[in-house]
Amino acid sequence: MSFGKLLQRPGVAAASVLLCLVLAPNLAAAAAVDRSGKEVVDSVCAACHEKGSDGAPRIGDKQAWAAREKRGIDSLTKNALNGIRKMPAHGGSAKVSDFEIQRAITYMVNQSGGSWVEP
């Protein structure tokens, strides 16, 4: 039986439409493009890291970021994902993916004297 004839059967077409409606949001989310580190920093991280609010290392402070750079991306990512001191998990934005967090960290390190390659 051809696919076209299968869709003409009662219930099959309706089930196909329902399946598409269920899967469509997931497919759209999967197709979303991760933001660059700069985009994430500008929209989420800069609120504290631009001025050094609440003890956050200020973007551009080479001394503060040099110590963090030595700890590496894995350590910094863990802190950003879980939160540390006054910084909430994911910088307070659950919409930021783990991958975007790594990009944001890399961007801030690089703006502060580092030379990491953005993931």
N, C-alpha and C. Protein backbone atom coordinates (compact mmCIF):
# COMPACT_ATOMS: atom_id res chain seq x y z
N MET A 1 0.85 -1.18 0.00
CA MET A 1 0.00 0.00 0.00
C MET A 1 0.89 1.23 0.00
N SER A 2 0.57 2.19 -0.84
CA SER A 2 1.37 3.41 -0.93
C SER A 2 1.06 4.32 0.26
N PHE A 3 1.98 5.23 0.52
CA PHE A 3 1.80 6.19 1.62
C PHE A 3 0.56 7.05 1.39
N GLY A 4 0.35 7.47 0.14
CA GLY A 4 -0.82 8.29 -0.19
C GLY A 4 -2.11 7.57 0.11
N LYS A 5 -2.17 6.29 -0.24
CA LYS A 5 -3.40 5.51 0.04
C LYS A 5 -3.56 5.27 1.53
N LEU A 6 -2.41 5.11 2.23
CA LEU A 6 -2.49 4.90 3.68
C LEU A 6 -3.09 6.12 4.36
N LEU A 7 -2.71 7.32 3.89
CA LEU A 7 -3.25 8.54 4.48
C LEU A 7 -4.73 8.73 4.20
N GLN A 8 -5.26 8.05 3.20
CA GLN A 8 -6.68 8.16 2.88
C GLN A 8 -7.53 7.30 3.79
N ARG A 9 -6.91 6.43 4.55
CA ARG A 9 -7.67 5.57 5.45
C ARG A 9 -8.16 6.38 6.64
N PRO A 10 -9.38 6.11 7.10
CA PRO A 10 -9.93 6.85 8.24
C PRO A 10 -9.03 6.73 9.47
N GLY A 11 -8.79 7.81 10.11
CA GLY A 11 -8.01 7.83 11.35
C GLY A 11 -6.51 8.00 11.12
N VAL A 12 -5.98 7.50 10.01
CA VAL A 12 -4.55 7.61 9.76
C VAL A 12 -4.15 9.06 9.51
N ALA A 13 -4.93 9.77 8.71
CA ALA A 13 -4.62 11.17 8.44
C ALA A 13 -4.70 12.00 9.71
N ALA A 14 -5.73 11.75 10.51
CA ALA A 14 -5.88 12.50 11.77
C ALA A 14 -4.72 12.20 12.71
N ALA A 15 -4.32 10.95 12.79
CA ALA A 15 -3.19 10.58 13.65
C ALA A 15 -1.90 11.23 13.15
N SER A 16 -1.74 11.33 11.84
CA SER A 16 -0.55 11.96 11.27
C SER A 16 -0.49 13.44 11.61
N VAL A 17 -1.63 14.10 11.51
CA VAL A 17 -1.70 15.52 11.85
C VAL A 17 -1.39 15.72 13.33
N LEU A 18 -1.96 14.88 14.17
CA LEU A 18 -1.73 14.98 15.62
C LEU A 18 -0.25 14.77 15.93
N LEU A 19 0.37 13.80 15.31
CA LEU A 19 1.79 13.54 15.52
C LEU A 19 2.62 14.76 15.12
N CYS A 20 2.29 15.37 14.00
CA CYS A 20 3.00 16.57 13.56
C CYS A 20 2.86 17.72 14.57
N LEU A 21 1.66 17.88 15.11
CA LEU A 21 1.43 18.94 16.09
C LEU A 21 2.22 18.71 17.37
N VAL A 22 2.38 17.45 17.75
CA VAL A 22 3.13 17.12 18.96
C VAL A 22 4.63 17.32 18.73
N LEU A 23 5.12 16.94 17.58
CA LEU A 23 6.56 17.01 17.31
C LEU A 23 7.04 18.39 16.88
N ALA A 24 6.19 19.20 16.31
CA ALA A 24 6.60 20.49 15.76
C ALA A 24 7.34 21.39 16.76
N PRO A 25 6.83 21.57 17.99
CA PRO A 25 7.57 22.44 18.91
C PRO A 25 8.96 21.93 19.22
N ASN A 26 9.11 20.61 19.35
CA ASN A 26 10.42 20.04 19.63
C ASN A 26 11.37 20.22 18.46
N LEU A 27 10.87 20.09 17.26
CA LEU A 27 11.70 20.29 16.08
C LEU A 27 12.13 21.74 15.96
N ALA A 28 11.24 22.65 16.28
CA ALA A 28 11.58 24.08 16.23
C ALA A 28 12.66 24.41 17.26
N ALA A 29 12.54 23.84 18.44
CA ALA A 29 13.55 24.09 19.47
C ALA A 29 14.89 23.51 19.06
N ALA A 30 14.87 22.34 18.46
CA ALA A 30 16.11 21.71 18.02
C ALA A 30 16.77 22.51 16.91
N ALA A 31 15.98 23.20 16.13
CA ALA A 31 16.51 23.97 15.01
C ALA A 31 17.02 25.34 15.45
N ALA A 32 16.73 25.74 16.70
CA ALA A 32 17.17 27.04 17.19
C ALA A 32 18.70 27.12 17.19
N VAL A 33 19.22 28.26 16.85
CA VAL A 33 20.66 28.44 16.78
C VAL A 33 21.14 28.99 18.11
N ASP A 34 22.20 28.40 18.64
CA ASP A 34 22.77 28.90 19.88
C ASP A 34 23.35 30.29 19.64
N ARG A 35 23.20 31.15 20.64
CA ARG A 35 23.71 32.51 20.54
C ARG A 35 25.22 32.52 20.75
N SER A 36 25.86 33.55 20.26
CA SER A 36 27.30 33.72 20.47
C SER A 36 27.54 34.11 21.92
N GLY A 37 28.79 34.01 22.34
CA GLY A 37 29.14 34.42 23.69
C GLY A 37 28.82 35.88 23.94
N LYS A 38 29.11 36.73 22.98
CA LYS A 38 28.82 38.16 23.12
C LYS A 38 27.32 38.40 23.29
N GLU A 39 26.51 37.70 22.51
CA GLU A 39 25.06 37.87 22.61
C GLU A 39 24.55 37.48 24.00
N VAL A 40 25.07 36.39 24.53
CA VAL A 40 24.65 35.93 25.87
C VAL A 40 25.13 36.92 26.93
N VAL A 41 26.37 37.34 26.81
CA VAL A 41 26.90 38.31 27.78
C VAL A 41 26.08 39.60 27.74
N ASP A 42 25.81 40.10 26.56
CA ASP A 42 25.05 41.35 26.44
C ASP A 42 23.65 41.22 27.03
N SER A 43 23.02 40.07 26.86
CA SER A 43 21.63 39.93 27.30
C SER A 43 21.48 39.41 28.73
N VAL A 44 22.49 38.73 29.26
CA VAL A 44 22.34 38.11 30.58
C VAL A 44 23.46 38.51 31.54
N CYS A 45 24.69 38.30 31.14
CA CYS A 45 25.82 38.40 32.07
C CYS A 45 26.26 39.83 32.38
N ALA A 46 26.11 40.72 31.41
CA ALA A 46 26.62 42.09 31.57
C ALA A 46 25.98 42.82 32.74
N ALA A 47 24.78 42.44 33.10
CA ALA A 47 24.10 43.13 34.21
C ALA A 47 24.98 43.18 35.45
N CYS A 48 25.74 42.14 35.70
CA CYS A 48 26.64 42.12 36.86
C CYS A 48 28.11 42.24 36.46
N HIS A 49 28.50 41.55 35.40
CA HIS A 49 29.92 41.49 35.04
C HIS A 49 30.44 42.75 34.36
N GLU A 50 29.57 43.60 33.88
CA GLU A 50 30.03 44.84 33.26
C GLU A 50 30.55 45.83 34.31
N LYS A 51 29.89 45.88 35.46
CA LYS A 51 30.29 46.82 36.52
C LYS A 51 30.95 46.13 37.71
N GLY A 52 30.92 44.79 37.73
CA GLY A 52 31.48 44.08 38.86
C GLY A 52 30.53 44.05 40.05
N SER A 53 29.24 44.08 39.78
CA SER A 53 28.24 44.09 40.84
C SER A 53 28.29 42.81 41.68
N ASP A 54 28.05 42.95 42.97
CA ASP A 54 27.97 41.83 43.91
C ASP A 54 29.19 40.91 43.86
N GLY A 55 30.35 41.48 43.59
CA GLY A 55 31.58 40.69 43.59
C GLY A 55 31.87 39.96 42.29
N ALA A 56 31.05 40.15 41.27
CA ALA A 56 31.30 39.50 39.98
C ALA A 56 32.57 40.07 39.36
N PRO A 57 33.42 39.21 38.79
CA PRO A 57 34.61 39.75 38.14
C PRO A 57 34.20 40.62 36.94
N ARG A 58 34.70 41.84 36.91
CA ARG A 58 34.33 42.79 35.87
C ARG A 58 34.99 42.42 34.55
N ILE A 59 34.21 42.43 33.49
CA ILE A 59 34.75 42.17 32.15
C ILE A 59 35.81 43.21 31.86
N GLY A 60 36.99 42.75 31.47
CA GLY A 60 38.11 43.65 31.20
C GLY A 60 39.13 43.70 32.32
N ASP A 61 38.78 43.18 33.49
CA ASP A 61 39.70 43.14 34.63
C ASP A 61 40.64 41.95 34.44
N LYS A 62 41.80 42.22 33.85
CA LYS A 62 42.73 41.15 33.48
C LYS A 62 43.19 40.34 34.69
N GLN A 63 43.42 41.00 35.80
CA GLN A 63 43.89 40.29 36.99
C GLN A 63 42.82 39.33 37.51
N ALA A 64 41.61 39.80 37.60
CA ALA A 64 40.52 38.95 38.12
C ALA A 64 40.27 37.76 37.21
N TRP A 65 40.30 37.98 35.90
CA TRP A 65 40.01 36.90 34.96
C TRP A 65 41.20 35.98 34.73
N ALA A 66 42.44 36.45 34.94
CA ALA A 66 43.62 35.60 34.77
C ALA A 66 43.56 34.40 35.72
N ALA A 67 43.17 34.66 36.95
CA ALA A 67 43.05 33.57 37.93
C ALA A 67 41.97 32.59 37.51
N ARG A 68 40.89 33.10 36.99
CA ARG A 68 39.80 32.24 36.54
C ARG A 68 40.18 31.47 35.27
N GLU A 69 40.90 32.15 34.39
CA GLU A 69 41.34 31.50 33.15
C GLU A 69 42.19 30.27 33.46
N LYS A 70 43.03 30.35 34.47
CA LYS A 70 43.89 29.21 34.86
C LYS A 70 43.07 28.01 35.32
N ARG A 71 41.88 28.26 35.85
CA ARG A 71 41.03 27.15 36.33
C ARG A 71 40.40 26.39 35.17
N GLY A 72 40.28 27.02 34.02
CA GLY A 72 39.79 26.33 32.84
C GLY A 72 38.28 26.41 32.65
N ILE A 73 37.86 26.08 31.45
CA ILE A 73 36.46 26.19 31.06
C ILE A 73 35.55 25.27 31.87
N ASP A 74 36.02 24.06 32.19
CA ASP A 74 35.16 23.11 32.91
C ASP A 74 34.80 23.63 34.30
N SER A 75 35.79 24.15 35.00
CA SER A 75 35.55 24.68 36.35
C SER A 75 34.63 25.90 36.31
N LEU A 76 34.91 26.81 35.38
CA LEU A 76 34.10 28.02 35.29
C LEU A 76 32.67 27.70 34.86
N THR A 77 32.54 26.73 33.96
CA THR A 77 31.20 26.33 33.51
C THR A 77 30.41 25.73 34.65
N LYS A 78 31.04 24.90 35.44
CA LYS A 78 30.36 24.28 36.59
C LYS A 78 29.84 25.37 37.53
N ASN A 79 30.66 26.36 37.82
CA ASN A 79 30.23 27.45 38.70
C ASN A 79 29.06 28.22 38.10
N ALA A 80 29.14 28.50 36.80
CA ALA A 80 28.08 29.28 36.15
C ALA A 80 26.78 28.49 36.08
N LEU A 81 26.88 27.19 35.84
CA LEU A 81 25.67 26.38 35.74
C LEU A 81 24.99 26.20 37.09
N ASN A 82 25.79 26.03 38.14
CA ASN A 82 25.24 25.76 39.47
C ASN A 82 25.04 27.02 40.31
N GLY A 83 25.72 28.08 39.92
CA GLY A 83 25.70 29.30 40.72
C GLY A 83 26.84 29.28 41.72
N ILE A 84 27.33 30.45 42.06
CA ILE A 84 28.41 30.56 43.03
C ILE A 84 28.31 31.92 43.71
N ARG A 85 28.53 31.92 45.01
CA ARG A 85 28.37 33.14 45.80
C ARG A 85 27.03 33.82 45.47
N LYS A 86 27.05 35.05 44.98
CA LYS A 86 25.78 35.75 44.70
C LYS A 86 25.26 35.53 43.28
N MET A 87 26.02 34.77 42.45
CA MET A 87 25.57 34.54 41.09
C MET A 87 24.61 33.34 41.06
N PRO A 88 23.40 33.55 40.56
CA PRO A 88 22.45 32.43 40.49
C PRO A 88 22.82 31.46 39.36
N ALA A 89 22.29 30.25 39.44
CA ALA A 89 22.52 29.25 38.40
C ALA A 89 22.12 29.81 37.04
N HIS A 90 22.90 29.50 36.04
CA HIS A 90 22.67 29.96 34.66
C HIS A 90 22.57 31.49 34.59
N GLY A 91 23.24 32.16 35.49
CA GLY A 91 23.20 33.62 35.49
C GLY A 91 21.81 34.17 35.74
N GLY A 92 20.94 33.32 36.28
CA GLY A 92 19.57 33.74 36.56
C GLY A 92 18.64 33.60 35.37
N SER A 93 19.10 32.98 34.29
CA SER A 93 18.27 32.81 33.11
C SER A 93 18.25 31.34 32.68
N ALA A 94 17.16 30.67 32.98
CA ALA A 94 17.03 29.25 32.62
C ALA A 94 17.02 29.03 31.12
N LYS A 95 16.80 30.09 30.35
CA LYS A 95 16.76 29.96 28.88
C LYS A 95 18.14 29.87 28.25
N VAL A 96 19.19 30.10 29.03
CA VAL A 96 20.55 30.03 28.51
C VAL A 96 21.01 28.58 28.56
N SER A 97 21.40 28.04 27.42
CA SER A 97 21.85 26.65 27.36
C SER A 97 23.25 26.51 27.96
N ASP A 98 23.60 25.28 28.31
CA ASP A 98 24.94 25.02 28.84
C ASP A 98 26.00 25.44 27.83
N PHE A 99 25.76 25.17 26.56
CA PHE A 99 26.68 25.54 25.49
C PHE A 99 26.84 27.06 25.40
N GLU A 100 25.73 27.78 25.53
CA GLU A 100 25.79 29.24 25.50
C GLU A 100 26.55 29.78 26.71
N ILE A 101 26.42 29.11 27.85
CA ILE A 101 27.18 29.51 29.05
C ILE A 101 28.67 29.41 28.75
N GLN A 102 29.09 28.32 28.13
CA GLN A 102 30.51 28.16 27.80
C GLN A 102 30.96 29.25 26.83
N ARG A 103 30.13 29.59 25.88
CA ARG A 103 30.48 30.65 24.94
C ARG A 103 30.60 32.00 25.66
N ALA A 104 29.70 32.26 26.59
CA ALA A 104 29.74 33.52 27.33
C ALA A 104 30.99 33.61 28.20
N ILE A 105 31.33 32.53 28.85
CA ILE A 105 32.55 32.51 29.68
C ILE A 105 33.77 32.79 28.80
N THR A 106 33.83 32.12 27.67
CA THR A 106 34.95 32.31 26.75
C THR A 106 35.03 33.76 26.29
N TYR A 107 33.90 34.34 25.98
CA TYR A 107 33.88 35.74 25.55
C TYR A 107 34.42 36.65 26.67
N MET A 108 33.97 36.44 27.90
CA MET A 108 34.42 37.30 29.01
C MET A 108 35.91 37.12 29.28
N VAL A 109 36.38 35.87 29.22
CA VAL A 109 37.82 35.61 29.40
C VAL A 109 38.61 36.36 28.32
N ASN A 110 38.15 36.24 27.08
CA ASN A 110 38.87 36.88 25.98
C ASN A 110 38.82 38.40 26.04
N GLN A 111 37.75 38.97 26.54
CA GLN A 111 37.64 40.41 26.69
C GLN A 111 38.51 40.91 27.85
N SER A 112 39.04 39.95 28.60
CA SER A 112 39.83 40.29 29.78
C SER A 112 41.26 39.79 29.65
N GLY A 113 41.73 39.63 28.41
CA GLY A 113 43.12 39.27 28.17
C GLY A 113 43.38 37.85 27.75
N GLY A 114 42.36 36.99 27.76
CA GLY A 114 42.54 35.60 27.36
C GLY A 114 42.51 35.43 25.85
N SER A 115 42.77 34.21 25.43
CA SER A 115 42.74 33.92 23.99
C SER A 115 42.15 32.54 23.73
N TRP A 116 41.00 32.28 24.35
CA TRP A 116 40.32 31.00 24.16
C TRP A 116 39.58 31.00 22.84
N VAL A 117 39.37 29.80 22.31
CA VAL A 117 38.57 29.63 21.11
C VAL A 117 37.14 29.37 21.55
N GLU A 118 36.20 30.16 20.99
CA GLU A 118 34.78 29.99 21.39
C GLU A 118 34.27 28.63 20.94
N PRO A 119 33.62 27.92 21.86
CA PRO A 119 33.05 26.60 21.51
C PRO A 119 32.02 26.74 20.41
